[in-house]
Amino acid sequence: MAALFGPGGNCELFARSGARSTLQAPAFVAGMGLDAYEYEAGRGINASPDTLAAIGAEARRCGIKMSFHTPYFISLSSVEPEKRAKSVGYITDSAAASALLGAEVMVVHCGSCASVPRDTAMGYSAETLLAAAEQLGKLGLGVKLGIETMGKENQLGTLEEVVTLCGLSPMFVPVVDFGHLNARTLGGIKTADDYMRIFDTIASRLGSEYIDTLHCHFSRIEYTAKGEKRHLTFADTEFGPDPLPLMSVIARLGISPTIICESAGTQSADSLTMKNAYEKAKNG
């Protein structure tokens, strides 16, 4: 087993290649030498079931591992019960879409704590996630709910919060967004040891099997005192984190994470940069 790399959504190069549909994305990604692709449904699931199934079949043909990002309007920690109930429905719809794509993990944001105390927001988020897990179980949808670390101070999604939520059900897995963690800690990820502490925390709290195939996001992210501001490219080096120490840590640990790059328009090329650095670290 080896680490897998690929983009979140379609990059600018994909558009310039003349591609007209995400149905062409698996072949494009494979042609670049990449191994993974995250289907982005942040604005909602707009593709038909037939289209999603066709993309999934094409991904299998091309040897591309699929994942799915759920809509941004999911609100796990809303103070309004009806919004939390609707979020369970959106997660169920996302699980059905993920199944058609062949995605093993669907990524969800764990919610805001801007209007209520963090512990209250965590309680709402946990309640909504468990309701979603129960519904997915009833429907026989075995897609893992990937709970993402977030980049803004007023969002739930510290590493500790994500690990706590993941401990509630075996259906939940952490999705570590290293750029988000770096942004919310105002540049706290600089060295290999900083990355290692993240893996150690997950392994000690949830079990080593959780880091063996960890689903991750990576991008350089500009931040302010309140955390994440905007995603950058690897050419924008003023803000971190630096991907190279992460590649060395993954190679040293011998684990097989999936790293989805969310750079601003250059996510496929930056994925390849990471894959090449990982291969060099693994073989050197």
C-alpha atoms as a PDB file:
ATOM      1  CA  MET A   1       0.000   0.000   0.000  1.00  0.00           C
ATOM      2  CA  ALA A   2       1.086   3.560  -0.636  1.00  0.00           C
ATOM      3  CA  ALA A   3      -0.238   7.053  -0.113  1.00  0.00           C
ATOM      4  CA  LEU A   4      -2.703   8.275  -2.741  1.00  0.00           C
ATOM      5  CA  PHE A   5      -2.878  11.796  -4.141  1.00  0.00           C
ATOM      6  CA  GLY A   6      -5.409  13.750  -6.150  1.00  0.00           C
ATOM      7  CA  PRO A   7      -7.410  16.968  -6.488  1.00  0.00           C
ATOM      8  CA  GLY A   8     -10.566  18.192  -4.845  1.00  0.00           C
ATOM      9  CA  GLY A   9     -12.726  19.104  -7.836  1.00  0.00           C
ATOM     10  CA  ASN A  10     -11.577  20.222 -11.255  1.00  0.00           C
ATOM     11  CA  CYS A  11      -8.495  22.401 -11.675  1.00  0.00           C
ATOM     12  CA  GLU A  12      -7.899  25.200 -14.156  1.00  0.00           C
ATOM     13  CA  LEU A  13      -5.746  22.897 -16.290  1.00  0.00           C
ATOM     14  CA  PHE A  14      -8.691  20.502 -16.613  1.00  0.00           C
ATOM     15  CA  ALA A  15     -10.832  23.325 -18.005  1.00  0.00           C
ATOM     16  CA  ARG A  16      -8.073  24.440 -20.384  1.00  0.00           C
ATOM     17  CA  SER A  17      -7.707  20.871 -21.664  1.00  0.00           C
ATOM     18  CA  GLY A  18     -11.093  21.188 -23.350  1.00  0.00           C
ATOM     19  CA  ALA A  19     -12.855  18.852 -20.935  1.00  0.00           C
ATOM     20  CA  ARG A  20     -16.586  19.474 -20.767  1.00  0.00           C
ATOM     21  CA  SER A  21     -17.723  17.230 -17.944  1.00  0.00           C
ATOM     22  CA  THR A  22     -16.582  15.771 -14.625  1.00  0.00           C
ATOM     23  CA  LEU A  23     -17.153  12.405 -16.329  1.00  0.00           C
ATOM     24  CA  GLN A  24     -13.766  13.120 -17.948  1.00  0.00           C
ATOM     25  CA  ALA A  25     -12.064  13.887 -14.618  1.00  0.00           C
ATOM     26  CA  PRO A  26     -10.958  10.334 -13.683  1.00  0.00           C
ATOM     27  CA  ALA A  27      -9.093   9.863 -16.972  1.00  0.00           C
ATOM     28  CA  PHE A  28      -7.567  13.341 -16.672  1.00  0.00           C
ATOM     29  CA  VAL A  29      -6.372  12.681 -13.123  1.00  0.00           C
ATOM     30  CA  ALA A  30      -5.009   9.236 -14.008  1.00  0.00           C
ATOM     31  CA  GLY A  31      -3.256  10.707 -17.039  1.00  0.00           C
ATOM     32  CA  MET A  32      -1.353  13.050 -14.725  1.00  0.00           C
ATOM     33  CA  GLY A  33      -0.164  10.073 -12.688  1.00  0.00           C
ATOM     34  CA  LEU A  34      -2.505  10.712  -9.753  1.00  0.00           C
ATOM     35  CA  ASP A  35      -4.624   8.199  -7.850  1.00  0.00           C
ATOM     36  CA  ALA A  36      -7.573   9.971  -6.175  1.00  0.00           C
ATOM     37  CA  TYR A  37     -10.347  12.467  -6.822  1.00  0.00           C
ATOM     38  CA  GLU A  38     -12.827  14.180  -4.489  1.00  0.00           C
ATOM     39  CA  TYR A  39     -16.186  15.024  -5.988  1.00  0.00           C
ATOM     40  CA  GLU A  40     -17.155  18.488  -4.761  1.00  0.00           C
ATOM     41  CA  ALA A  41     -20.846  19.024  -4.005  1.00  0.00           C
ATOM     42  CA  GLY A  42     -20.402  22.099  -1.829  1.00  0.00           C
ATOM     43  CA  ARG A  43     -23.242  23.940  -3.547  1.00  0.00           C
ATOM     44  CA  GLY A  44     -25.487  20.889  -3.607  1.00  0.00           C
ATOM     45  CA  ILE A  45     -25.821  17.632  -5.515  1.00  0.00           C
ATOM     46  CA  ASN A  46     -26.654  18.761  -9.033  1.00  0.00           C
ATOM     47  CA  ALA A  47     -25.718  15.679 -11.066  1.00  0.00           C
ATOM     48  CA  SER A  48     -28.257  12.955 -11.822  1.00  0.00           C
ATOM     49  CA  PRO A  49     -27.893   9.460 -10.333  1.00  0.00           C
ATOM     50  CA  ASP A  50     -27.020   8.127 -13.800  1.00  0.00           C
ATOM     51  CA  THR A  51     -24.218  10.685 -14.158  1.00  0.00           C
ATOM     52  CA  LEU A  52     -22.834   9.926 -10.705  1.00  0.00           C
ATOM     53  CA  ALA A  53     -22.881   6.199 -11.451  1.00  0.00           C
ATOM     54  CA  ALA A  54     -21.091   6.819 -14.766  1.00  0.00           C
ATOM     55  CA  ILE A  55     -18.390   8.874 -13.025  1.00  0.00           C
ATOM     56  CA  GLY A  56     -17.967   6.079 -10.498  1.00  0.00           C
ATOM     57  CA  ALA A  57     -17.612   3.481 -13.248  1.00  0.00           C
ATOM     58  CA  GLU A  58     -15.057   5.631 -15.030  1.00  0.00           C
ATOM     59  CA  ALA A  59     -13.097   6.085 -11.789  1.00  0.00           C
ATOM     60  CA  ARG A  60     -12.969   2.313 -11.311  1.00  0.00           C
ATOM     61  CA  ARG A  61     -11.814   1.872 -14.911  1.00  0.00           C
ATOM     62  CA  CYS A  62      -9.031   4.413 -14.397  1.00  0.00           C
ATOM     63  CA  GLY A  63      -7.980   3.156 -10.965  1.00  0.00           C
ATOM     64  CA  ILE A  64      -8.979   6.385  -9.196  1.00  0.00           C
ATOM     65  CA  LYS A  65     -10.090   6.318  -5.560  1.00  0.00           C
ATOM     66  CA  MET A  66     -13.178   8.483  -5.094  1.00  0.00           C
ATOM     67  CA  SER A  67     -14.351  10.540  -2.148  1.00  0.00           C
ATOM     68  CA  PHE A  68     -17.217  13.007  -1.801  1.00  0.00           C
ATOM     69  CA  HIS A  69     -17.538  16.452  -0.199  1.00  0.00           C
ATOM     70  CA  THR A  70     -21.010  17.134   1.177  1.00  0.00           C
ATOM     71  CA  PRO A  71     -22.869  20.445   0.675  1.00  0.00           C
ATOM     72  CA  TYR A  72     -21.668  23.426   2.669  1.00  0.00           C
ATOM     73  CA  PHE A  73     -25.208  24.263   3.761  1.00  0.00           C
ATOM     74  CA  ILE A  74     -25.285  21.233   6.067  1.00  0.00           C
ATOM     75  CA  SER A  75     -25.527  22.675   9.581  1.00  0.00           C
ATOM     76  CA  LEU A  76     -24.810  20.026  12.198  1.00  0.00           C
ATOM     77  CA  SER A  77     -24.717  22.457  15.115  1.00  0.00           C
ATOM     78  CA  SER A  78     -27.586  24.778  14.200  1.00  0.00           C
ATOM     79  CA  VAL A  79     -29.615  26.036  17.153  1.00  0.00           C
ATOM     80  CA  GLU A  80     -32.742  25.317  15.066  1.00  0.00           C
ATOM     81  CA  PRO A  81     -33.890  21.672  15.345  1.00  0.00           C
ATOM     82  CA  GLU A  82     -35.482  21.755  11.890  1.00  0.00           C
ATOM     83  CA  LYS A  83     -32.174  22.754  10.286  1.00  0.00           C
ATOM     84  CA  ARG A  84     -30.419  19.897  12.053  1.00  0.00           C
ATOM     85  CA  ALA A  85     -33.135  17.519  10.850  1.00  0.00           C
ATOM     86  CA  LYS A  86     -32.740  18.784   7.276  1.00  0.00           C
ATOM     87  CA  SER A  87     -28.993  18.239   7.605  1.00  0.00           C
ATOM     88  CA  VAL A  88     -29.607  14.556   8.354  1.00  0.00           C
ATOM     89  CA  GLY A  89     -31.535  14.410   5.073  1.00  0.00           C
ATOM     90  CA  TYR A  90     -28.730  16.130   3.178  1.00  0.00           C
ATOM     91  CA  ILE A  91     -26.231  13.654   4.632  1.00  0.00           C
ATOM     92  CA  THR A  92     -28.459  10.753   3.573  1.00  0.00           C
ATOM     93  CA  ASP A  93     -28.635  12.168   0.035  1.00  0.00           C
ATOM     94  CA  SER A  94     -24.853  12.588   0.071  1.00  0.00           C
ATOM     95  CA  ALA A  95     -24.371   8.978   1.160  1.00  0.00           C
ATOM     96  CA  ALA A  96     -26.524   7.780  -1.729  1.00  0.00           C
ATOM     97  CA  ALA A  97     -24.481   9.911  -4.140  1.00  0.00           C
ATOM     98  CA  SER A  98     -21.243   8.624  -2.599  1.00  0.00           C
ATOM     99  CA  ALA A  99     -22.380   5.051  -3.097  1.00  0.00           C
ATOM    100  CA  LEU A 100     -23.031   5.719  -6.793  1.00  0.00           C
ATOM    101  CA  LEU A 101     -19.544   7.240  -7.120  1.00  0.00           C
ATOM    102  CA  GLY A 102     -17.924   4.356  -5.261  1.00  0.00           C
ATOM    103  CA  ALA A 103     -16.692   6.761  -2.586  1.00  0.00           C
ATOM    104  CA  GLU A 104     -15.768   5.213   0.748  1.00  0.00           C
ATOM    105  CA  VAL A 105     -15.641   8.538   2.623  1.00  0.00           C
ATOM    106  CA  MET A 106     -17.880  11.586   2.453  1.00  0.00           C
ATOM    107  CA  VAL A 107     -16.535  14.721   4.068  1.00  0.00           C
ATOM    108  CA  VAL A 108     -18.720  16.896   6.288  1.00  0.00           C
ATOM    109  CA  HIS A 109     -18.079  20.123   8.220  1.00  0.00           C
ATOM    110  CA  CYS A 110     -18.912  19.735  11.895  1.00  0.00           C
ATOM    111  CA  GLY A 111     -20.590  23.116  12.369  1.00  0.00           C
ATOM    112  CA  SER A 112     -20.358  26.649  13.699  1.00  0.00           C
ATOM    113  CA  CYS A 113     -20.072  27.834  17.280  1.00  0.00           C
ATOM    114  CA  ALA A 114     -20.467  31.534  16.498  1.00  0.00           C
ATOM    115  CA  SER A 115     -23.786  31.964  18.314  1.00  0.00           C
ATOM    116  CA  VAL A 116     -23.602  29.391  21.126  1.00  0.00           C
ATOM    117  CA  PRO A 117     -20.898  28.117  23.514  1.00  0.00           C
ATOM    118  CA  ARG A 118     -18.546  25.522  22.028  1.00  0.00           C
ATOM    119  CA  ASP A 119     -19.789  22.732  24.291  1.00  0.00           C
ATOM    120  CA  THR A 120     -23.405  23.438  23.299  1.00  0.00           C
ATOM    121  CA  ALA A 121     -22.468  23.429  19.613  1.00  0.00           C
ATOM    122  CA  MET A 122     -20.553  20.164  20.109  1.00  0.00           C
ATOM    123  CA  GLY A 123     -23.650  18.634  21.693  1.00  0.00           C
ATOM    124  CA  TYR A 124     -25.817  19.607  18.716  1.00  0.00           C
ATOM    125  CA  SER A 125     -23.198  18.362  16.256  1.00  0.00           C
ATOM    126  CA  ALA A 126     -22.892  15.010  18.025  1.00  0.00           C
ATOM    127  CA  GLU A 127     -26.670  14.612  18.141  1.00  0.00           C
ATOM    128  CA  THR A 128     -27.011  15.326  14.409  1.00  0.00           C
ATOM    129  CA  LEU A 129     -24.152  13.030  13.427  1.00  0.00           C
ATOM    130  CA  LEU A 130     -25.577  10.153  15.468  1.00  0.00           C
ATOM    131  CA  ALA A 131     -29.029  10.681  13.940  1.00  0.00           C
ATOM    132  CA  ALA A 132     -27.424  10.590  10.495  1.00  0.00           C
ATOM    133  CA  ALA A 133     -25.480   7.433  11.325  1.00  0.00           C
ATOM    134  CA  GLU A 134     -28.688   5.742  12.504  1.00  0.00           C
ATOM    135  CA  GLN A 135     -30.465   6.697   9.287  1.00  0.00           C
ATOM    136  CA  LEU A 136     -27.593   5.489   7.094  1.00  0.00           C
ATOM    137  CA  GLY A 137     -27.597   2.185   8.972  1.00  0.00           C
ATOM    138  CA  LYS A 138     -31.319   1.719   8.352  1.00  0.00           C
ATOM    139  CA  LEU A 139     -30.791   2.370   4.639  1.00  0.00           C
ATOM    140  CA  GLY A 140     -27.761   0.091   4.399  1.00  0.00           C
ATOM    141  CA  LEU A 141     -25.484   2.926   3.249  1.00  0.00           C
ATOM    142  CA  GLY A 142     -22.045   2.048   4.580  1.00  0.00           C
ATOM    143  CA  VAL A 143     -20.224   5.211   3.532  1.00  0.00           C
ATOM    144  CA  LYS A 144     -17.991   6.609   6.286  1.00  0.00           C
ATOM    145  CA  LEU A 145     -18.779  10.079   7.588  1.00  0.00           C
ATOM    146  CA  GLY A 146     -15.499  11.976   7.428  1.00  0.00           C
ATOM    147  CA  ILE A 147     -15.503  14.802   9.983  1.00  0.00           C
ATOM    148  CA  GLU A 148     -13.187  17.585   8.823  1.00  0.00           C
ATOM    149  CA  THR A 149     -10.891  19.808  10.856  1.00  0.00           C
ATOM    150  CA  MET A 150     -11.756  23.425  10.131  1.00  0.00           C
ATOM    151  CA  GLY A 151      -9.780  26.632   9.723  1.00  0.00           C
ATOM    152  CA  LYS A 152     -11.747  29.408  11.443  1.00  0.00           C
ATOM    153  CA  GLU A 153     -11.837  30.186  15.136  1.00  0.00           C
ATOM    154  CA  ASN A 154     -15.655  30.393  15.239  1.00  0.00           C
ATOM    155  CA  GLN A 155     -16.069  26.945  13.677  1.00  0.00           C
ATOM    156  CA  LEU A 156     -16.056  23.596  15.397  1.00  0.00           C
ATOM    157  CA  GLY A 157     -13.222  21.512  14.029  1.00  0.00           C
ATOM    158  CA  THR A 158     -10.130  21.589  16.186  1.00  0.00           C
ATOM    159  CA  LEU A 159      -8.270  18.287  16.064  1.00  0.00           C
ATOM    160  CA  GLU A 160      -9.480  17.544  19.601  1.00  0.00           C
ATOM    161  CA  GLU A 161     -13.115  18.228  18.666  1.00  0.00           C
ATOM    162  CA  VAL A 162     -12.933  16.077  15.533  1.00  0.00           C
ATOM    163  CA  VAL A 163     -11.339  13.179  17.414  1.00  0.00           C
ATOM    164  CA  THR A 164     -13.988  13.471  20.126  1.00  0.00           C
ATOM    165  CA  LEU A 165     -16.817  13.305  17.585  1.00  0.00           C
ATOM    166  CA  CYS A 166     -15.187  10.378  15.771  1.00  0.00           C
ATOM    167  CA  GLY A 167     -15.113   8.437  19.023  1.00  0.00           C
ATOM    168  CA  LEU A 168     -18.931   8.356  19.042  1.00  0.00           C
ATOM    169  CA  SER A 169     -19.366   5.805  16.250  1.00  0.00           C
ATOM    170  CA  PRO A 170     -17.261   3.496  14.061  1.00  0.00           C
ATOM    171  CA  MET A 171     -19.036   5.127  11.111  1.00  0.00           C
ATOM    172  CA  PHE A 172     -17.121   8.369  11.784  1.00  0.00           C
ATOM    173  CA  VAL A 173     -13.539   8.973  10.662  1.00  0.00           C
ATOM    174  CA  PRO A 174     -11.348  12.076  10.964  1.00  0.00           C
ATOM    175  CA  VAL A 175     -10.547  14.116   7.888  1.00  0.00           C
ATOM    176  CA  VAL A 176      -7.437  16.117   8.690  1.00  0.00           C
ATOM    177  CA  ASP A 177      -7.154  19.325   6.694  1.00  0.00           C
ATOM    178  CA  PHE A 178      -3.587  20.369   7.438  1.00  0.00           C
ATOM    179  CA  GLY A 179      -4.091  23.806   5.906  1.00  0.00           C
ATOM    180  CA  HIS A 180      -7.088  24.417   8.146  1.00  0.00           C
ATOM    181  CA  LEU A 181      -5.229  23.329  11.264  1.00  0.00           C
ATOM    182  CA  ASN A 182      -2.292  25.532  10.339  1.00  0.00           C
ATOM    183  CA  ALA A 183      -4.612  28.512   9.775  1.00  0.00           C
ATOM    184  CA  ARG A 184      -6.544  28.152  13.029  1.00  0.00           C
ATOM    185  CA  THR A 185      -3.284  27.810  14.982  1.00  0.00           C
ATOM    186  CA  LEU A 186      -1.868  30.869  13.162  1.00  0.00           C
ATOM    187  CA  GLY A 187       0.985  28.953  11.545  1.00  0.00           C
ATOM    188  CA  GLY A 188       1.392  26.187  14.100  1.00  0.00           C
ATOM    189  CA  ILE A 189       2.463  23.505  11.604  1.00  0.00           C
ATOM    190  CA  LYS A 190       6.077  24.007  10.576  1.00  0.00           C
ATOM    191  CA  THR A 191       8.129  20.873  11.167  1.00  0.00           C
ATOM    192  CA  ALA A 192       7.924  17.116  10.783  1.00  0.00           C
ATOM    193  CA  ASP A 193       7.361  16.896  14.542  1.00  0.00           C
ATOM    194  CA  ASP A 194       4.304  19.144  14.232  1.00  0.00           C
ATOM    195  CA  TYR A 195       2.820  16.750  11.678  1.00  0.00           C
ATOM    196  CA  MET A 196       3.809  13.746  13.762  1.00  0.00           C
ATOM    197  CA  ARG A 197       1.918  15.077  16.777  1.00  0.00           C
ATOM    198  CA  ILE A 198      -1.281  15.127  14.708  1.00  0.00           C
ATOM    199  CA  PHE A 199      -0.870  11.474  13.723  1.00  0.00           C
ATOM    200  CA  ASP A 200       0.063  10.539  17.290  1.00  0.00           C
ATOM    201  CA  THR A 201      -3.057  12.226  18.674  1.00  0.00           C
ATOM    202  CA  ILE A 202      -5.354  10.330  16.311  1.00  0.00           C
ATOM    203  CA  ALA A 203      -3.604   6.998  16.883  1.00  0.00           C
ATOM    204  CA  SER A 204      -3.615   7.345  20.665  1.00  0.00           C
ATOM    205  CA  ARG A 205      -7.265   8.444  20.881  1.00  0.00           C
ATOM    206  CA  LEU A 206      -8.874   6.349  18.151  1.00  0.00           C
ATOM    207  CA  GLY A 207      -6.388   3.607  17.246  1.00  0.00           C
ATOM    208  CA  SER A 208      -3.476   3.229  14.849  1.00  0.00           C
ATOM    209  CA  GLU A 209      -5.782   1.874  12.137  1.00  0.00           C
ATOM    210  CA  TYR A 210      -7.274   5.353  11.800  1.00  0.00           C
ATOM    211  CA  ILE A 211      -3.987   6.833  10.591  1.00  0.00           C
ATOM    212  CA  ASP A 212      -3.134   3.882   8.336  1.00  0.00           C
ATOM    213  CA  THR A 213      -5.702   5.020   5.750  1.00  0.00           C
ATOM    214  CA  LEU A 214      -6.417   8.572   6.959  1.00  0.00           C
ATOM    215  CA  HIS A 215      -8.351  10.816   4.580  1.00  0.00           C
ATOM    216  CA  CYS A 216      -6.674  14.245   4.373  1.00  0.00           C
ATOM    217  CA  HIS A 217      -6.957  17.622   2.719  1.00  0.00           C
ATOM    218  CA  PHE A 218      -3.971  19.819   1.995  1.00  0.00           C
ATOM    219  CA  SER A 219      -3.440  23.346   0.734  1.00  0.00           C
ATOM    220  CA  ARG A 220      -1.541  26.453   1.686  1.00  0.00           C
ATOM    221  CA  ILE A 221      -4.018  28.841   3.289  1.00  0.00           C
ATOM    222  CA  GLU A 222      -3.788  32.534   4.049  1.00  0.00           C
ATOM    223  CA  TYR A 223      -5.042  33.378   7.518  1.00  0.00           C
ATOM    224  CA  THR A 224      -5.807  36.307   9.809  1.00  0.00           C
ATOM    225  CA  ALA A 225      -6.108  36.499  13.593  1.00  0.00           C
ATOM    226  CA  LYS A 226      -9.487  34.751  13.231  1.00  0.00           C
ATOM    227  CA  GLY A 227      -8.107  31.881  11.170  1.00  0.00           C
ATOM    228  CA  GLU A 228      -8.611  30.859   7.543  1.00  0.00           C
ATOM    229  CA  LYS A 229      -8.992  33.588   4.926  1.00  0.00           C
ATOM    230  CA  ARG A 230      -8.426  31.937   1.525  1.00  0.00           C
ATOM    231  CA  HIS A 231      -6.821  28.983  -0.193  1.00  0.00           C
ATOM    232  CA  LEU A 232      -3.583  29.599  -2.085  1.00  0.00           C
ATOM    233  CA  THR A 233      -1.370  27.685  -4.521  1.00  0.00           C
ATOM    234  CA  PHE A 234       1.959  26.011  -3.825  1.00  0.00           C
ATOM    235  CA  ALA A 235       3.611  28.954  -5.618  1.00  0.00           C
ATOM    236  CA  ASP A 236       2.300  31.218  -2.827  1.00  0.00           C
ATOM    237  CA  THR A 237       4.826  30.478  -0.123  1.00  0.00           C
ATOM    238  CA  GLU A 238       4.167  33.299   2.357  1.00  0.00           C
ATOM    239  CA  PHE A 239       1.679  31.089   4.209  1.00  0.00           C
ATOM    240  CA  GLY A 240       1.992  27.415   5.041  1.00  0.00           C
ATOM    241  CA  PRO A 241       1.977  24.707   5.776  1.00  0.00           C
ATOM    242  CA  ASP A 242       4.957  23.276   3.911  1.00  0.00           C
ATOM    243  CA  PRO A 243       4.009  19.912   2.359  1.00  0.00           C
ATOM    244  CA  LEU A 244       7.533  18.464   2.293  1.00  0.00           C
ATOM    245  CA  PRO A 245       7.824  17.562   6.002  1.00  0.00           C
ATOM    246  CA  LEU A 246       4.437  15.840   5.754  1.00  0.00           C
ATOM    247  CA  MET A 247       5.655  13.686   2.873  1.00  0.00           C
ATOM    248  CA  SER A 248       8.683  12.595   4.885  1.00  0.00           C
ATOM    249  CA  VAL A 249       6.517  11.716   7.899  1.00  0.00           C
ATOM    250  CA  ILE A 250       4.097   9.639   5.809  1.00  0.00           C
ATOM    251  CA  ALA A 251       6.982   7.768   4.190  1.00  0.00           C
ATOM    252  CA  ARG A 252       8.667   7.182   7.554  1.00  0.00           C
ATOM    253  CA  LEU A 253       5.480   5.873   9.177  1.00  0.00           C
ATOM    254  CA  GLY A 254       4.731   3.596   6.235  1.00  0.00           C
ATOM    255  CA  ILE A 255       1.057   4.598   6.227  1.00  0.00           C
ATOM    256  CA  SER A 256      -1.285   4.918   3.254  1.00  0.00           C
ATOM    257  CA  PRO A 257      -3.365   8.079   3.579  1.00  0.00           C
ATOM    258  CA  THR A 258      -5.338   9.696   0.785  1.00  0.00           C
ATOM    259  CA  ILE A 259      -4.227  13.311   0.332  1.00  0.00           C
ATOM    260  CA  ILE A 260      -6.739  15.513  -1.499  1.00  0.00           C
ATOM    261  CA  CYS A 261      -5.247  18.820  -2.605  1.00  0.00           C
ATOM    262  CA  GLU A 262      -7.491  21.888  -2.439  1.00  0.00           C
ATOM    263  CA  SER A 263      -5.151  24.515  -3.861  1.00  0.00           C
ATOM    264  CA  ALA A 264      -6.816  27.469  -5.576  1.00  0.00           C
ATOM    265  CA  GLY A 265      -6.994  26.258  -9.182  1.00  0.00           C
ATOM    266  CA  THR A 266      -3.727  24.303  -9.233  1.00  0.00           C
ATOM    267  CA  GLN A 267      -4.899  21.351  -7.172  1.00  0.00           C
ATOM    268  CA  SER A 268      -3.926  18.665  -9.703  1.00  0.00           C
ATOM    269  CA  ALA A 269      -0.412  20.017 -10.349  1.00  0.00           C
ATOM    270  CA  ASP A 270       0.141  20.550  -6.622  1.00  0.00           C
ATOM    271  CA  SER A 271      -1.078  17.005  -5.951  1.00  0.00           C
ATOM    272  CA  LEU A 272       1.583  15.746  -8.333  1.00  0.00           C
ATOM    273  CA  THR A 273       4.214  17.832  -6.549  1.00  0.00           C
ATOM    274  CA  MET A 274       3.276  16.113  -3.299  1.00  0.00           C
ATOM    275  CA  LYS A 275       3.222  12.666  -4.860  1.00  0.00           C
ATOM    276  CA  ASN A 276       6.684  13.152  -6.358  1.00  0.00           C
ATOM    277  CA  ALA A 277       8.049  14.371  -3.007  1.00  0.00           C
ATOM    278  CA  TYR A 278       6.460  11.397  -1.241  1.00  0.00           C
ATOM    279  CA  GLU A 279       7.964   8.924  -3.717  1.00  0.00           C
ATOM    280  CA  LYS A 280      11.360  10.536  -3.276  1.00  0.00           C
ATOM    281  CA  ALA A 281      11.089  10.337   0.520  1.00  0.00           C
ATOM    282  CA  LYS A 282       9.873   6.739   0.397  1.00  0.00           C
ATOM    283  CA  ASN A 283      12.598   5.549  -1.960  1.00  0.00           C
ATOM    284  CA  GLY A 284      15.401   7.730  -0.649  1.00  0.00           C
END
